[in-house]
């Protein structure tokens, strides 16, 4: 016996999970909080900030951004002593 399909909101998504739904917003907020707790800043946030406050200036690639954030968090490079905390 198959369960009945989930009701839809007219956009082809399950009810309550469409764009802008409170449940989806809460999920994004929780995911962002976890990333910030472990020190993984968002490249998308960086890009939005650079476009808003420094238009026309060069931006780091994702790889350069990740490397720079890792060095800032854990040390190393530029003659600094490596550390974990």
N, C-alpha and C. Protein backbone atom coordinates (compact mmCIF):
# COMPACT_ATOMS: atom_id res chain seq x y z
N UNK A 1 0.84 -1.16 0.00
CA UNK A 1 0.00 0.00 0.00
C UNK A 1 0.90 1.24 0.00
N UNK A 2 0.68 2.12 -0.97
CA UNK A 2 1.47 3.34 -1.08
C UNK A 2 0.80 4.48 -0.32
N UNK A 3 1.60 5.29 0.40
CA UNK A 3 1.01 6.44 1.09
C UNK A 3 0.56 7.49 0.09
N UNK A 4 -0.37 8.31 0.50
CA UNK A 4 -0.88 9.38 -0.36
C UNK A 4 0.23 10.40 -0.60
N UNK A 5 0.29 11.00 -1.80
CA UNK A 5 1.32 12.01 -2.06
C UNK A 5 1.09 13.24 -1.19
N UNK A 6 2.21 13.93 -0.89
CA UNK A 6 2.13 15.15 -0.07
C UNK A 6 1.39 16.23 -0.84
N UNK A 7 0.56 17.02 -0.14
CA UNK A 7 -0.13 18.12 -0.82
C UNK A 7 0.88 19.13 -1.34
N UNK A 8 0.55 19.76 -2.42
CA UNK A 8 1.46 20.74 -3.00
C UNK A 8 0.86 22.13 -2.90
N UNK A 9 1.73 23.14 -2.98
CA UNK A 9 1.28 24.52 -2.87
C UNK A 9 1.03 25.15 -4.23
N UNK A 10 1.01 24.36 -5.27
CA UNK A 10 0.77 24.89 -6.61
C UNK A 10 2.05 25.15 -7.38
N UNK A 11 3.20 25.11 -6.70
CA UNK A 11 4.48 25.35 -7.38
C UNK A 11 5.24 24.06 -7.60
N UNK A 12 4.61 22.94 -7.25
CA UNK A 12 5.29 21.67 -7.43
C UNK A 12 6.12 21.28 -6.22
N UNK A 13 6.07 22.05 -5.14
CA UNK A 13 6.82 21.71 -3.94
C UNK A 13 5.84 21.26 -2.87
N UNK A 14 6.32 20.52 -1.89
CA UNK A 14 5.46 20.09 -0.80
C UNK A 14 4.95 21.32 -0.05
N UNK A 15 3.77 21.22 0.51
CA UNK A 15 3.18 22.36 1.22
C UNK A 15 4.10 22.81 2.34
N UNK A 16 4.31 24.12 2.43
CA UNK A 16 5.14 24.68 3.48
C UNK A 16 6.62 24.72 3.17
N UNK A 17 7.05 24.19 2.05
CA UNK A 17 8.47 24.17 1.72
C UNK A 17 8.80 24.97 0.47
N UNK A 18 7.90 25.84 0.07
CA UNK A 18 8.15 26.68 -1.10
C UNK A 18 9.14 27.79 -0.79
N UNK A 19 9.56 28.53 -1.81
CA UNK A 19 10.50 29.63 -1.59
C UNK A 19 9.95 30.61 -0.56
N UNK A 20 10.79 30.99 0.39
CA UNK A 20 10.40 31.94 1.41
C UNK A 20 9.62 31.34 2.57
N UNK A 21 9.47 30.01 2.59
CA UNK A 21 8.71 29.40 3.69
C UNK A 21 9.49 29.53 5.00
N UNK A 22 8.78 29.65 6.10
CA UNK A 22 9.45 29.77 7.39
C UNK A 22 10.36 28.58 7.70
N UNK A 23 9.95 27.38 7.29
CA UNK A 23 10.75 26.19 7.55
C UNK A 23 12.08 26.24 6.78
N UNK A 24 12.01 26.65 5.52
CA UNK A 24 13.24 26.76 4.73
C UNK A 24 14.15 27.86 5.27
N UNK A 25 13.58 28.98 5.67
CA UNK A 25 14.36 30.07 6.24
C UNK A 25 15.05 29.62 7.53
N UNK A 26 14.33 28.87 8.36
CA UNK A 26 14.91 28.37 9.61
C UNK A 26 16.08 27.42 9.30
N UNK A 27 15.89 26.57 8.30
CA UNK A 27 16.98 25.66 7.91
C UNK A 27 18.21 26.40 7.44
N UNK A 28 18.02 27.45 6.65
CA UNK A 28 19.16 28.24 6.18
C UNK A 28 19.86 28.93 7.35
N UNK A 29 19.07 29.45 8.27
CA UNK A 29 19.62 30.13 9.45
C UNK A 29 20.45 29.16 10.30
N UNK A 30 19.92 27.97 10.53
CA UNK A 30 20.63 26.96 11.32
C UNK A 30 21.92 26.54 10.62
N UNK A 31 21.87 26.31 9.32
CA UNK A 31 23.07 25.93 8.57
C UNK A 31 24.13 27.01 8.64
N UNK A 32 23.70 28.27 8.49
CA UNK A 32 24.65 29.38 8.58
C UNK A 32 25.26 29.44 9.97
N UNK A 33 24.46 29.23 11.01
CA UNK A 33 24.97 29.25 12.38
C UNK A 33 26.02 28.18 12.60
N UNK A 34 25.77 26.97 12.11
CA UNK A 34 26.76 25.89 12.25
C UNK A 34 28.05 26.24 11.52
N UNK A 35 27.95 26.79 10.31
CA UNK A 35 29.16 27.18 9.57
C UNK A 35 29.96 28.22 10.34
N UNK A 36 29.28 29.19 10.93
CA UNK A 36 29.98 30.22 11.69
C UNK A 36 30.59 29.66 12.97
N UNK A 37 29.93 28.69 13.60
CA UNK A 37 30.47 28.09 14.83
C UNK A 37 31.77 27.35 14.57
N UNK A 38 31.91 26.75 13.41
CA UNK A 38 33.14 26.02 13.11
C UNK A 38 34.12 26.87 12.32
N UNK A 39 33.80 28.15 12.14
CA UNK A 39 34.72 29.07 11.51
C UNK A 39 34.79 28.97 10.00
N UNK A 40 33.72 28.61 9.36
CA UNK A 40 33.69 28.51 7.91
C UNK A 40 32.82 29.63 7.35
N UNK A 41 33.42 30.80 7.10
CA UNK A 41 32.63 31.90 6.56
C UNK A 41 32.13 31.60 5.15
N UNK A 42 31.09 32.28 4.77
CA UNK A 42 30.45 32.04 3.48
C UNK A 42 31.10 32.85 2.36
N UNK A 43 31.49 32.17 1.31
CA UNK A 43 32.05 32.84 0.14
C UNK A 43 30.98 33.73 -0.51
N UNK A 44 29.73 33.26 -0.51
CA UNK A 44 28.64 34.06 -1.09
C UNK A 44 28.47 35.38 -0.34
N UNK A 45 28.60 35.35 0.99
CA UNK A 45 28.51 36.57 1.79
C UNK A 45 29.65 37.51 1.45
N UNK A 46 30.86 36.94 1.29
CA UNK A 46 32.03 37.73 0.92
C UNK A 46 31.81 38.42 -0.43
N UNK A 47 31.33 37.66 -1.42
CA UNK A 47 31.09 38.21 -2.76
C UNK A 47 30.05 39.33 -2.70
N UNK A 48 28.95 39.10 -1.97
CA UNK A 48 27.90 40.12 -1.86
C UNK A 48 28.46 41.39 -1.20
N UNK A 49 29.27 41.23 -0.17
CA UNK A 49 29.88 42.38 0.50
C UNK A 49 30.80 43.15 -0.45
N UNK A 50 31.64 42.41 -1.17
CA UNK A 50 32.58 43.08 -2.09
C UNK A 50 31.83 43.82 -3.20
N UNK A 51 30.78 43.21 -3.73
CA UNK A 51 30.01 43.87 -4.79
C UNK A 51 29.29 45.11 -4.27
N UNK A 52 28.81 45.05 -3.03
CA UNK A 52 28.07 46.16 -2.45
C UNK A 52 28.99 47.30 -2.02
N UNK A 53 30.12 46.99 -1.39
CA UNK A 53 30.95 48.04 -0.80
C UNK A 53 32.22 48.36 -1.59
N UNK A 54 32.64 47.48 -2.47
CA UNK A 54 33.85 47.70 -3.26
C UNK A 54 33.63 47.35 -4.72
N UNK A 55 32.62 47.95 -5.38
CA UNK A 55 32.33 47.59 -6.77
C UNK A 55 33.51 47.91 -7.68
N UNK A 56 33.76 47.02 -8.60
CA UNK A 56 34.83 47.24 -9.58
C UNK A 56 36.20 46.79 -9.11
N UNK A 57 36.36 46.48 -7.82
CA UNK A 57 37.65 46.00 -7.33
C UNK A 57 37.73 44.48 -7.50
N UNK A 58 38.94 43.95 -7.64
CA UNK A 58 39.07 42.49 -7.82
C UNK A 58 38.63 41.72 -6.58
N UNK A 59 38.13 40.50 -6.81
CA UNK A 59 37.69 39.61 -5.75
C UNK A 59 38.56 38.37 -5.73
N UNK A 60 38.73 37.78 -4.55
CA UNK A 60 39.46 36.52 -4.45
C UNK A 60 38.62 35.40 -5.06
N UNK A 61 39.30 34.43 -5.63
CA UNK A 61 38.60 33.22 -6.09
C UNK A 61 38.16 32.44 -4.85
N UNK A 62 37.29 31.46 -5.04
CA UNK A 62 36.85 30.65 -3.90
C UNK A 62 38.06 30.00 -3.22
N UNK A 63 38.98 29.47 -4.02
CA UNK A 63 40.15 28.79 -3.46
C UNK A 63 41.01 29.75 -2.65
N UNK A 64 41.24 30.97 -3.17
CA UNK A 64 42.05 31.96 -2.44
C UNK A 64 41.33 32.39 -1.16
N UNK A 65 40.01 32.56 -1.23
CA UNK A 65 39.21 32.93 -0.06
C UNK A 65 39.32 31.87 1.01
N UNK A 66 39.16 30.60 0.64
CA UNK A 66 39.23 29.49 1.58
C UNK A 66 40.61 29.43 2.23
N UNK A 67 41.66 29.55 1.41
CA UNK A 67 43.04 29.51 1.92
C UNK A 67 43.29 30.65 2.91
N UNK A 68 42.84 31.86 2.55
CA UNK A 68 43.05 33.03 3.41
C UNK A 68 42.32 32.86 4.74
N UNK A 69 41.10 32.35 4.72
CA UNK A 69 40.33 32.13 5.94
C UNK A 69 40.97 31.06 6.81
N UNK A 70 41.48 29.99 6.19
CA UNK A 70 42.16 28.93 6.94
C UNK A 70 43.41 29.48 7.62
N UNK A 71 44.20 30.27 6.90
CA UNK A 71 45.41 30.85 7.49
C UNK A 71 45.06 31.81 8.61
N UNK A 72 44.00 32.59 8.45
CA UNK A 72 43.60 33.53 9.49
C UNK A 72 43.14 32.78 10.75
N UNK A 73 42.49 31.65 10.56
CA UNK A 73 41.98 30.89 11.71
C UNK A 73 43.06 30.07 12.40
N UNK A 74 43.89 29.38 11.62
CA UNK A 74 44.83 28.43 12.19
C UNK A 74 46.28 28.89 12.18
N UNK A 75 46.56 30.05 11.64
CA UNK A 75 47.94 30.52 11.58
C UNK A 75 48.67 29.90 10.41
N UNK A 76 49.97 30.00 10.44
CA UNK A 76 50.77 29.47 9.34
C UNK A 76 50.94 30.53 8.27
N UNK A 77 51.91 30.35 7.43
CA UNK A 77 52.17 31.34 6.38
C UNK A 77 52.64 32.65 6.97
N UNK A 78 53.25 33.48 6.20
CA UNK A 78 53.69 34.82 6.59
C UNK A 78 54.53 34.81 7.86
N UNK A 79 55.26 33.75 8.10
CA UNK A 79 56.18 33.68 9.22
C UNK A 79 55.53 33.49 10.57
N UNK A 80 54.23 33.21 10.62
CA UNK A 80 53.56 33.02 11.91
C UNK A 80 53.68 31.58 12.35
N UNK A 81 53.62 31.40 13.64
CA UNK A 81 53.66 30.06 14.21
C UNK A 81 52.31 29.40 14.02
N UNK A 82 52.29 28.15 13.57
CA UNK A 82 51.04 27.43 13.41
C UNK A 82 50.44 27.08 14.76
N UNK A 83 49.12 27.13 14.86
CA UNK A 83 48.45 26.79 16.11
C UNK A 83 47.05 26.26 15.80
N UNK A 84 46.45 25.63 16.76
CA UNK A 84 45.10 25.12 16.52
C UNK A 84 44.05 26.01 17.15
N UNK A 85 44.36 26.76 18.17
CA UNK A 85 43.36 27.59 18.86
C UNK A 85 43.87 28.97 19.15
